[in-house]
């Protein structure tokens, strides 16, 4: 009886080459490039309704809108933040919330955001090898539910971070907490923003695919995506500052080109 031959061990260079080959093959099979275009379109379309919705829901919660903007602009390139910031401040009424704009913003965000979530779900299912045809009505309901769930999670994170600062300011004189601790908490924009982005990505990676996953299996991907997101936002800002000023000089059209990139 012949003994089973042991596989020939590969060198580190061969393992690295095989990993890159399998990675490129998986990227091609899952159609990430095509899905990224669709997701970017729908998320861009939902951006301005989201700004309108957020600007009118902030007065209802009695939250300082400037605190939210300080955290939000940390997650995007500063060049883009400078363009969006005046729009966001314009839709934050000083006297109160506009119910009509609030409804329009909520409906627009829900509709466009759910289309982006739907495209993202199809891409993730294809990546995991789930190729069966799903019920379009059920798929649409899942997309709408995930949009609402992400919106609730986003609002919860904003409320916790906003009221966390207010609670700390309130208990500082009562418990004789040093003022340096309160000021230190208010400067933690990068850790707070990173944690918020990480939690949102964990929720997407764990709930959205039509596959039963363990929570720990999505943590490395969420961490890598969070790190890459924040790093690329800063690198992209440098690119725009030194190489894309000509594009930005075209005004609104240039801004949309940069935002799509």
Foldseek 3Di string as FASTA:
>chain_A
DDDDDDDDDDDPVVVVVVVVVVVVVLCVQLVPVVLLLQLLVLVVQLVLLQLLQVLQVCQVVVFDVVLVLVLVCLLAAVVLSVVCVVVSVVSNDPPHGDVVSNVSSVVRNLVSQLSSLLSVQSSVQSSVVNPDDDDVVVSSVVSSVVSVVLVVLVVVLSVCLRVVLVVCVVCCVVVVPDPVVSVVSSPPSPVSSLVSQLVSQLCSVCPRYPDHDDSVVCNVVSNVVSVVSSVVSHVLNVCCVPPVVVLCVVPPRSSVVSSSD
